[in-house]
Amino acid sequence: MPKKGDSSPKRSSKKTSATAGKGWGAVAKRKEATESVSSTDMLWDFKVGDGESVIVQFLDDEPYCYDAHSVKNNKGRWVTLACQLATQGHCLMCEDGNKQTWKAAFKVLDYRGKWDKEKKENTFGDPIEKIWKCSNTLALQIQALVKKKGIPLTEQVLEVTRTGGGPKDTSYNFQRAFDEEAEKVMKPIAYESEVASIEELCQPLPDLVLEKMGIGEMAE
């Protein structure tokens, strides 16, 4: 029973699945929900560790901006997911009391290559496509870099260095990546993405998908 004066949103104990229903339409909705899981899982988030320098190539000249939530899934991993209020009348994450945040997202190529689980190190083979979900401060820094250089993001290869381990004491430094063997500034490689656009990848997920991830009422 809610306490007196408690104005936080409450969810009903009865909730119909977004894919429940009779007929072939229900089958189509289920397929759409399932595909939305696989599409968002196709790209890992791009992250840079404290004191680490990473070579990165942007695949988008401008970001896709949206409201999001940072939540922990049923695997114990923190993930950033779009707020559902953008596409439907409620948001399971808002209703669970998760604070809404703002993100500017880019698709990028991570030149560290794949992660070798056994050796616990990057392979530095072919660059891997990822999503970089930036804060407002970082997005403005990237925008300032573009204005200063006068060169579109997709026409640069950058070396990104992170300093600091927390959101309030973290800073990033950007400079043009340099190929020491060739003794010249690195040029972007030709790359054609095989996944959805950044806008499509950052769309809110339906209730069914969040619940499968351990987020929402049915997962409790």
C-alpha atoms as a PDB file:
ATOM      1  CA  MET A   1       0.000   0.000   0.000  1.00  0.00           C
ATOM      2  CA  PRO A   2       1.489   3.374  -0.964  1.00  0.00           C
ATOM      3  CA  LYS A   3       2.429   5.782   1.787  1.00  0.00           C
ATOM      4  CA  LYS A   4       0.490   9.002   2.240  1.00  0.00           C
ATOM      5  CA  GLY A   5       1.866  11.734   0.037  1.00  0.00           C
ATOM      6  CA  ASP A   6       3.740   9.307  -2.168  1.00  0.00           C
ATOM      7  CA  SER A   7       3.199  10.606  -5.716  1.00  0.00           C
ATOM      8  CA  SER A   8       5.564   8.171  -7.498  1.00  0.00           C
ATOM      9  CA  PRO A   9       3.932   6.290 -10.394  1.00  0.00           C
ATOM     10  CA  LYS A  10       2.500   2.881  -9.583  1.00  0.00           C
ATOM     11  CA  ARG A  11       1.964   0.037 -11.998  1.00  0.00           C
ATOM     12  CA  SER A  12      -1.103  -2.102 -11.931  1.00  0.00           C
ATOM     13  CA  SER A  13      -0.590  -5.677 -10.717  1.00  0.00           C
ATOM     14  CA  LYS A  14      -2.358  -6.769 -13.901  1.00  0.00           C
ATOM     15  CA  LYS A  15      -0.662  -6.013 -17.178  1.00  0.00           C
ATOM     16  CA  THR A  16      -1.408  -7.443 -20.584  1.00  0.00           C
ATOM     17  CA  SER A  17       1.574  -8.429 -22.695  1.00  0.00           C
ATOM     18  CA  ALA A  18       2.238  -6.113 -25.641  1.00  0.00           C
ATOM     19  CA  THR A  19       2.227  -9.177 -27.884  1.00  0.00           C
ATOM     20  CA  ALA A  20      -0.883 -10.872 -26.476  1.00  0.00           C
ATOM     21  CA  GLY A  21      -3.860 -11.237 -28.784  1.00  0.00           C
ATOM     22  CA  LYS A  22      -5.753 -13.470 -31.166  1.00  0.00           C
ATOM     23  CA  GLY A  23      -4.904 -14.113 -34.797  1.00  0.00           C
ATOM     24  CA  TRP A  24      -1.945 -13.768 -37.127  1.00  0.00           C
ATOM     25  CA  GLY A  25      -1.435 -10.201 -35.993  1.00  0.00           C
ATOM     26  CA  ALA A  26      -0.270 -11.503 -32.616  1.00  0.00           C
ATOM     27  CA  VAL A  27       2.282 -13.710 -34.377  1.00  0.00           C
ATOM     28  CA  ALA A  28       3.615 -10.696 -36.274  1.00  0.00           C
ATOM     29  CA  LYS A  29       3.882  -8.642 -33.070  1.00  0.00           C
ATOM     30  CA  ARG A  30       5.794 -11.438 -31.366  1.00  0.00           C
ATOM     31  CA  LYS A  31       8.190 -11.678 -34.322  1.00  0.00           C
ATOM     32  CA  GLU A  32       8.733  -7.914 -34.283  1.00  0.00           C
ATOM     33  CA  ALA A  33       9.489  -7.952 -30.558  1.00  0.00           C
ATOM     34  CA  THR A  34      11.918 -10.842 -30.908  1.00  0.00           C
ATOM     35  CA  GLU A  35      13.726  -9.189 -33.817  1.00  0.00           C
ATOM     36  CA  SER A  36      14.141  -6.011 -31.794  1.00  0.00           C
ATOM     37  CA  VAL A  37      16.193  -7.991 -29.278  1.00  0.00           C
ATOM     38  CA  SER A  38      18.535  -9.425 -31.883  1.00  0.00           C
ATOM     39  CA  SER A  39      19.000  -6.095 -33.666  1.00  0.00           C
ATOM     40  CA  THR A  40      20.029  -4.214 -30.524  1.00  0.00           C
ATOM     41  CA  ASP A  41      22.319  -7.059 -29.477  1.00  0.00           C
ATOM     42  CA  MET A  42      24.198  -6.868 -32.774  1.00  0.00           C
ATOM     43  CA  LEU A  43      26.420  -4.031 -31.565  1.00  0.00           C
ATOM     44  CA  TRP A  44      28.335  -3.695 -28.306  1.00  0.00           C
ATOM     45  CA  ASP A  45      28.624  -0.370 -26.524  1.00  0.00           C
ATOM     46  CA  PHE A  46      31.905   1.441 -27.180  1.00  0.00           C
ATOM     47  CA  LYS A  47      33.778   2.101 -23.928  1.00  0.00           C
ATOM     48  CA  VAL A  48      37.208   3.443 -23.040  1.00  0.00           C
ATOM     49  CA  GLY A  49      38.853   2.538 -19.736  1.00  0.00           C
ATOM     50  CA  ASP A  50      40.543   4.968 -17.367  1.00  0.00           C
ATOM     51  CA  GLY A  51      43.969   5.846 -18.791  1.00  0.00           C
ATOM     52  CA  GLU A  52      43.293   3.928 -22.022  1.00  0.00           C
ATOM     53  CA  SER A  53      43.868   5.276 -25.536  1.00  0.00           C
ATOM     54  CA  VAL A  54      41.739   3.876 -28.362  1.00  0.00           C
ATOM     55  CA  ILE A  55      41.739   4.528 -32.100  1.00  0.00           C
ATOM     56  CA  VAL A  56      38.217   5.055 -33.362  1.00  0.00           C
ATOM     57  CA  GLN A  57      36.503   5.873 -36.660  1.00  0.00           C
ATOM     58  CA  PHE A  58      33.062   7.502 -36.651  1.00  0.00           C
ATOM     59  CA  LEU A  59      30.448   6.100 -39.023  1.00  0.00           C
ATOM     60  CA  ASP A  60      27.980   8.951 -38.384  1.00  0.00           C
ATOM     61  CA  ASP A  61      28.701  12.643 -38.889  1.00  0.00           C
ATOM     62  CA  GLU A  62      25.972  13.639 -36.451  1.00  0.00           C
ATOM     63  CA  PRO A  63      24.508  11.840 -33.422  1.00  0.00           C
ATOM     64  CA  TYR A  64      21.063  10.437 -32.805  1.00  0.00           C
ATOM     65  CA  CYS A  65      19.873  12.011 -29.531  1.00  0.00           C
ATOM     66  CA  TYR A  66      17.349  10.444 -27.169  1.00  0.00           C
ATOM     67  CA  ASP A  67      16.238  10.014 -23.534  1.00  0.00           C
ATOM     68  CA  ALA A  68      17.479   6.828 -21.901  1.00  0.00           C
ATOM     69  CA  HIS A  69      17.934   4.835 -18.700  1.00  0.00           C
ATOM     70  CA  SER A  70      20.982   3.046 -17.305  1.00  0.00           C
ATOM     71  CA  VAL A  71      19.717  -0.224 -15.808  1.00  0.00           C
ATOM     72  CA  LYS A  72      21.153  -3.566 -14.740  1.00  0.00           C
ATOM     73  CA  ASN A  73      19.933  -6.611 -16.693  1.00  0.00           C
ATOM     74  CA  ASN A  74      19.475 -10.180 -15.495  1.00  0.00           C
ATOM     75  CA  LYS A  75      23.121 -10.918 -16.317  1.00  0.00           C
ATOM     76  CA  GLY A  76      24.277  -8.270 -13.870  1.00  0.00           C
ATOM     77  CA  ARG A  77      25.508  -5.977 -16.645  1.00  0.00           C
ATOM     78  CA  TRP A  78      24.654  -2.275 -16.834  1.00  0.00           C
ATOM     79  CA  VAL A  79      22.994  -1.348 -20.131  1.00  0.00           C
ATOM     80  CA  THR A  80      21.713   1.932 -21.559  1.00  0.00           C
ATOM     81  CA  LEU A  81      18.200   1.625 -23.000  1.00  0.00           C
ATOM     82  CA  ALA A  82      15.915   4.168 -24.644  1.00  0.00           C
ATOM     83  CA  CYS A  83      13.047   5.482 -22.523  1.00  0.00           C
ATOM     84  CA  GLN A  84       9.765   3.912 -23.648  1.00  0.00           C
ATOM     85  CA  LEU A  85       7.795   7.151 -23.192  1.00  0.00           C
ATOM     86  CA  ALA A  86       8.953   8.207 -26.652  1.00  0.00           C
ATOM     87  CA  THR A  87       6.783   5.577 -28.335  1.00  0.00           C
ATOM     88  CA  GLN A  88       4.152   4.439 -25.849  1.00  0.00           C
ATOM     89  CA  GLY A  89       2.062   5.689 -22.939  1.00  0.00           C
ATOM     90  CA  HIS A  90       4.297   4.334 -20.195  1.00  0.00           C
ATOM     91  CA  CYS A  91       7.873   3.302 -19.430  1.00  0.00           C
ATOM     92  CA  LEU A  92       8.692   0.324 -17.223  1.00  0.00           C
ATOM     93  CA  MET A  93      12.029   1.867 -16.282  1.00  0.00           C
ATOM     94  CA  CYS A  94      10.466   5.203 -15.291  1.00  0.00           C
ATOM     95  CA  GLU A  95       7.861   3.348 -13.252  1.00  0.00           C
ATOM     96  CA  ASP A  96      10.589   1.395 -11.470  1.00  0.00           C
ATOM     97  CA  GLY A  97      12.120   4.705 -10.380  1.00  0.00           C
ATOM     98  CA  ASN A  98      15.121   4.655 -12.727  1.00  0.00           C
ATOM     99  CA  LYS A  99      16.416   8.140 -13.422  1.00  0.00           C
ATOM    100  CA  GLN A 100      16.120   9.328 -17.012  1.00  0.00           C
ATOM    101  CA  THR A 101      19.265  10.550 -18.733  1.00  0.00           C
ATOM    102  CA  TRP A 102      20.091  12.061 -22.149  1.00  0.00           C
ATOM    103  CA  LYS A 103      22.323  10.408 -24.725  1.00  0.00           C
ATOM    104  CA  ALA A 104      23.843  11.291 -28.090  1.00  0.00           C
ATOM    105  CA  ALA A 105      24.707   8.099 -29.981  1.00  0.00           C
ATOM    106  CA  PHE A 106      27.106   7.401 -32.858  1.00  0.00           C
ATOM    107  CA  LYS A 107      28.063   4.230 -34.676  1.00  0.00           C
ATOM    108  CA  VAL A 108      31.840   3.853 -34.596  1.00  0.00           C
ATOM    109  CA  LEU A 109      34.594   1.428 -35.556  1.00  0.00           C
ATOM    110  CA  ASP A 110      36.716   0.267 -32.631  1.00  0.00           C
ATOM    111  CA  TYR A 111      40.253  -0.406 -33.888  1.00  0.00           C
ATOM    112  CA  ARG A 112      40.999  -2.662 -30.912  1.00  0.00           C
ATOM    113  CA  GLY A 113      39.255  -5.484 -32.786  1.00  0.00           C
ATOM    114  CA  LYS A 114      37.505  -8.403 -31.099  1.00  0.00           C
ATOM    115  CA  TRP A 115      37.870  -9.301 -27.440  1.00  0.00           C
ATOM    116  CA  ASP A 116      39.627 -12.617 -26.740  1.00  0.00           C
ATOM    117  CA  LYS A 117      37.831 -14.096 -23.705  1.00  0.00           C
ATOM    118  CA  GLU A 118      40.536 -16.666 -22.984  1.00  0.00           C
ATOM    119  CA  LYS A 119      43.478 -14.263 -23.169  1.00  0.00           C
ATOM    120  CA  LYS A 120      41.359 -11.384 -21.805  1.00  0.00           C
ATOM    121  CA  GLU A 121      42.739  -8.944 -24.323  1.00  0.00           C
ATOM    122  CA  ASN A 122      41.835  -7.333 -27.631  1.00  0.00           C
ATOM    123  CA  THR A 123      42.934  -9.020 -30.839  1.00  0.00           C
ATOM    124  CA  PHE A 124      43.662  -5.771 -32.750  1.00  0.00           C
ATOM    125  CA  GLY A 125      42.447  -7.466 -35.907  1.00  0.00           C
ATOM    126  CA  ASP A 126      39.697  -6.024 -38.086  1.00  0.00           C
ATOM    127  CA  PRO A 127      37.925  -3.007 -36.508  1.00  0.00           C
ATOM    128  CA  ILE A 128      34.604  -3.822 -34.806  1.00  0.00           C
ATOM    129  CA  GLU A 129      31.429  -1.760 -35.241  1.00  0.00           C
ATOM    130  CA  LYS A 130      29.982  -0.486 -31.951  1.00  0.00           C
ATOM    131  CA  ILE A 131      27.666   2.199 -30.523  1.00  0.00           C
ATOM    132  CA  TRP A 132      29.106   5.098 -28.566  1.00  0.00           C
ATOM    133  CA  LYS A 133      26.440   6.546 -26.254  1.00  0.00           C
ATOM    134  CA  CYS A 134      27.731   9.924 -25.145  1.00  0.00           C
ATOM    135  CA  SER A 135      26.698  12.347 -22.421  1.00  0.00           C
ATOM    136  CA  ASN A 136      25.772  15.931 -23.261  1.00  0.00           C
ATOM    137  CA  THR A 137      29.216  17.141 -22.136  1.00  0.00           C
ATOM    138  CA  LEU A 138      31.048  14.646 -24.342  1.00  0.00           C
ATOM    139  CA  ALA A 139      28.743  15.320 -27.302  1.00  0.00           C
ATOM    140  CA  LEU A 140      29.488  19.052 -27.074  1.00  0.00           C
ATOM    141  CA  GLN A 141      33.221  18.263 -26.946  1.00  0.00           C
ATOM    142  CA  ILE A 142      32.950  16.188 -30.126  1.00  0.00           C
ATOM    143  CA  GLN A 143      30.942  18.964 -31.802  1.00  0.00           C
ATOM    144  CA  ALA A 144      33.618  21.516 -30.838  1.00  0.00           C
ATOM    145  CA  LEU A 145      36.273  19.233 -32.337  1.00  0.00           C
ATOM    146  CA  VAL A 146      34.428  19.145 -35.671  1.00  0.00           C
ATOM    147  CA  LYS A 147      34.012  22.929 -35.732  1.00  0.00           C
ATOM    148  CA  LYS A 148      37.673  23.524 -34.860  1.00  0.00           C
ATOM    149  CA  LYS A 149      39.072  21.108 -37.443  1.00  0.00           C
ATOM    150  CA  GLY A 150      36.449  21.875 -40.090  1.00  0.00           C
ATOM    151  CA  ILE A 151      36.511  18.210 -41.070  1.00  0.00           C
ATOM    152  CA  PRO A 152      33.438  15.913 -40.869  1.00  0.00           C
ATOM    153  CA  LEU A 153      33.677  13.174 -38.258  1.00  0.00           C
ATOM    154  CA  THR A 154      33.466  10.403 -40.845  1.00  0.00           C
ATOM    155  CA  GLU A 155      36.542  11.773 -42.606  1.00  0.00           C
ATOM    156  CA  GLN A 156      38.751  11.442 -39.524  1.00  0.00           C
ATOM    157  CA  VAL A 157      40.377   8.636 -37.552  1.00  0.00           C
ATOM    158  CA  LEU A 158      40.816   9.733 -33.958  1.00  0.00           C
ATOM    159  CA  GLU A 159      42.799   8.584 -30.969  1.00  0.00           C
ATOM    160  CA  VAL A 160      40.633   8.924 -27.869  1.00  0.00           C
ATOM    161  CA  THR A 161      42.212   8.978 -24.415  1.00  0.00           C
ATOM    162  CA  ARG A 162      40.122   8.815 -21.260  1.00  0.00           C
ATOM    163  CA  THR A 163      41.197  10.070 -17.847  1.00  0.00           C
ATOM    164  CA  GLY A 164      39.164   9.413 -14.700  1.00  0.00           C
ATOM    165  CA  GLY A 165      37.024   6.539 -13.514  1.00  0.00           C
ATOM    166  CA  GLY A 166      33.732   8.222 -12.597  1.00  0.00           C
ATOM    167  CA  PRO A 167      31.089  10.305 -14.385  1.00  0.00           C
ATOM    168  CA  LYS A 168      32.064  13.510 -12.531  1.00  0.00           C
ATOM    169  CA  ASP A 169      35.840  13.227 -12.876  1.00  0.00           C
ATOM    170  CA  THR A 170      36.101  11.758 -16.374  1.00  0.00           C
ATOM    171  CA  SER A 171      37.599  13.694 -19.285  1.00  0.00           C
ATOM    172  CA  TYR A 172      38.389  12.762 -22.890  1.00  0.00           C
ATOM    173  CA  ASN A 173      41.163  13.956 -25.160  1.00  0.00           C
ATOM    174  CA  PHE A 174      40.875  13.707 -28.973  1.00  0.00           C
ATOM    175  CA  GLN A 175      43.625  13.904 -31.564  1.00  0.00           C
ATOM    176  CA  ARG A 176      44.106  12.705 -35.122  1.00  0.00           C
ATOM    177  CA  ALA A 177      45.410   9.139 -35.114  1.00  0.00           C
ATOM    178  CA  PHE A 178      48.919   8.767 -36.509  1.00  0.00           C
ATOM    179  CA  ASP A 179      50.308   5.748 -38.353  1.00  0.00           C
ATOM    180  CA  GLU A 180      53.910   5.550 -37.140  1.00  0.00           C
ATOM    181  CA  GLU A 181      54.968   2.967 -39.718  1.00  0.00           C
ATOM    182  CA  ALA A 182      53.633   5.008 -42.636  1.00  0.00           C
ATOM    183  CA  GLU A 183      54.613   8.257 -40.871  1.00  0.00           C
ATOM    184  CA  LYS A 184      51.343   9.938 -41.734  1.00  0.00           C
ATOM    185  CA  VAL A 185      47.893  10.702 -40.335  1.00  0.00           C
ATOM    186  CA  MET A 186      45.549   7.719 -40.550  1.00  0.00           C
ATOM    187  CA  LYS A 187      42.751   7.829 -43.109  1.00  0.00           C
ATOM    188  CA  PRO A 188      39.311   6.224 -42.621  1.00  0.00           C
ATOM    189  CA  ILE A 189      38.946   2.750 -44.055  1.00  0.00           C
ATOM    190  CA  ALA A 190      36.132   1.952 -46.476  1.00  0.00           C
ATOM    191  CA  TYR A 191      33.403   0.342 -44.416  1.00  0.00           C
ATOM    192  CA  GLU A 192      29.783  -0.537 -45.154  1.00  0.00           C
ATOM    193  CA  SER A 193      27.608  -1.224 -42.119  1.00  0.00           C
ATOM    194  CA  GLU A 194      25.563  -4.423 -42.188  1.00  0.00           C
ATOM    195  CA  VAL A 195      23.268  -3.480 -39.299  1.00  0.00           C
ATOM    196  CA  ALA A 196      20.431  -1.008 -38.808  1.00  0.00           C
ATOM    197  CA  SER A 197      20.926   2.745 -38.661  1.00  0.00           C
ATOM    198  CA  ILE A 198      21.855   4.425 -35.374  1.00  0.00           C
ATOM    199  CA  GLU A 199      18.308   5.797 -35.092  1.00  0.00           C
ATOM    200  CA  GLU A 200      16.776   2.328 -35.467  1.00  0.00           C
ATOM    201  CA  LEU A 201      19.202   0.777 -32.986  1.00  0.00           C
ATOM    202  CA  CYS A 202      18.344   3.358 -30.317  1.00  0.00           C
ATOM    203  CA  GLN A 203      14.557   3.010 -30.460  1.00  0.00           C
ATOM    204  CA  PRO A 204      12.690   2.017 -27.257  1.00  0.00           C
ATOM    205  CA  LEU A 205      12.181  -1.700 -26.692  1.00  0.00           C
ATOM    206  CA  PRO A 206       8.711  -3.183 -26.050  1.00  0.00           C
ATOM    207  CA  ASP A 207       7.714  -4.485 -22.609  1.00  0.00           C
ATOM    208  CA  LEU A 208       8.214  -8.111 -23.621  1.00  0.00           C
ATOM    209  CA  VAL A 209      11.859  -7.542 -24.496  1.00  0.00           C
ATOM    210  CA  LEU A 210      12.625  -5.615 -21.301  1.00  0.00           C
ATOM    211  CA  GLU A 211      11.022  -8.352 -19.216  1.00  0.00           C
ATOM    212  CA  LYS A 212      13.173 -10.995 -20.951  1.00  0.00           C
ATOM    213  CA  MET A 213      16.187  -8.897 -19.943  1.00  0.00           C
ATOM    214  CA  GLY A 214      15.065  -8.923 -16.323  1.00  0.00           C
ATOM    215  CA  ILE A 215      13.652  -5.400 -16.361  1.00  0.00           C
ATOM    216  CA  GLY A 216      10.049  -4.704 -15.408  1.00  0.00           C
ATOM    217  CA  GLU A 217       7.204  -6.084 -13.372  1.00  0.00           C
ATOM    218  CA  MET A 218       7.025  -9.612 -14.806  1.00  0.00           C
ATOM    219  CA  ALA A 219      10.736 -10.105 -14.137  1.00  0.00           C
ATOM    220  CA  GLU A 220      10.389  -9.351 -10.399  1.00  0.00           C
END
